Amino acid sequence: MTDLFGLPLGYNNADVQNRNGLVASNGAAHEIIIENLAPLLHEFGRIRV
């Protein structure tokens, strides 16, 4: 599981809110999913926060 940008989720901080969505996969397809999401995130103006 990562956020929509492929970054690991971190819950070891004071602020544990996840503002970048969630992608869960079987692992084998995860990189392909993240790559396919990138143009959509760009189209909608989503940036890493």
Protein backbone atom coordinates (compact mmCIF):
# COMPACT_ATOMS: atom_id res chain seq x y z
CA MET A 1 0.00 0.00 0.00
CA THR A 2 1.17 3.48 -0.86
CA ASP A 3 -0.37 6.85 -1.55
CA LEU A 4 -1.46 7.80 -5.09
CA PHE A 5 2.07 8.94 -5.88
CA GLY A 6 3.69 5.66 -4.83
CA LEU A 7 5.08 7.01 -1.58
CA PRO A 8 4.91 4.84 1.54
CA LEU A 9 2.29 5.66 4.13
CA GLY A 10 3.75 7.03 7.35
CA TYR A 11 1.99 6.79 10.67
CA ASN A 12 4.97 7.49 12.89
CA ASN A 13 4.42 11.27 12.90
CA ALA A 14 2.27 13.58 14.96
CA ASP A 15 0.10 14.27 11.89
CA VAL A 16 -1.10 10.91 10.55
CA GLN A 17 -3.68 12.26 8.11
CA ASN A 18 -3.33 10.84 4.61
CA ARG A 19 -4.13 13.57 2.09
CA ASN A 20 -2.81 11.73 -0.96
CA GLY A 21 -5.20 8.82 -1.26
CA LEU A 22 -4.46 5.12 -1.04
CA VAL A 23 -3.43 2.47 -3.54
CA ALA A 24 -3.55 -1.16 -2.47
CA SER A 25 -2.50 -3.94 -4.81
CA ASN A 26 -1.06 -7.43 -4.98
CA GLY A 27 2.41 -5.91 -5.27
CA ALA A 28 3.11 -7.25 -8.76
CA ALA A 29 0.84 -4.65 -10.38
CA HIS A 30 1.54 -1.77 -8.00
CA GLU A 31 4.15 0.04 -10.08
CA ILE A 32 1.94 -0.18 -13.19
CA ILE A 33 -1.02 1.22 -11.25
CA ILE A 34 1.05 4.16 -9.99
CA GLU A 35 2.36 4.83 -13.51
CA ASN A 36 -1.20 4.82 -14.91
CA LEU A 37 -2.40 7.19 -12.19
CA ALA A 38 0.34 9.77 -12.84
CA PRO A 39 -1.25 11.38 -15.94
CA LEU A 40 -4.62 11.59 -14.19
CA LEU A 41 -3.10 13.21 -11.11
CA HIS A 42 -1.34 15.71 -13.36
CA GLU A 43 -4.54 16.40 -15.33
CA PHE A 44 -6.45 17.19 -12.14
CA GLY A 45 -3.63 19.32 -10.71
CA ARG A 46 -2.80 16.97 -7.86
CA ILE A 47 0.70 17.38 -6.45
CA ARG A 48 2.58 15.65 -3.66
CA VAL A 49 1.79 17.23 -0.33
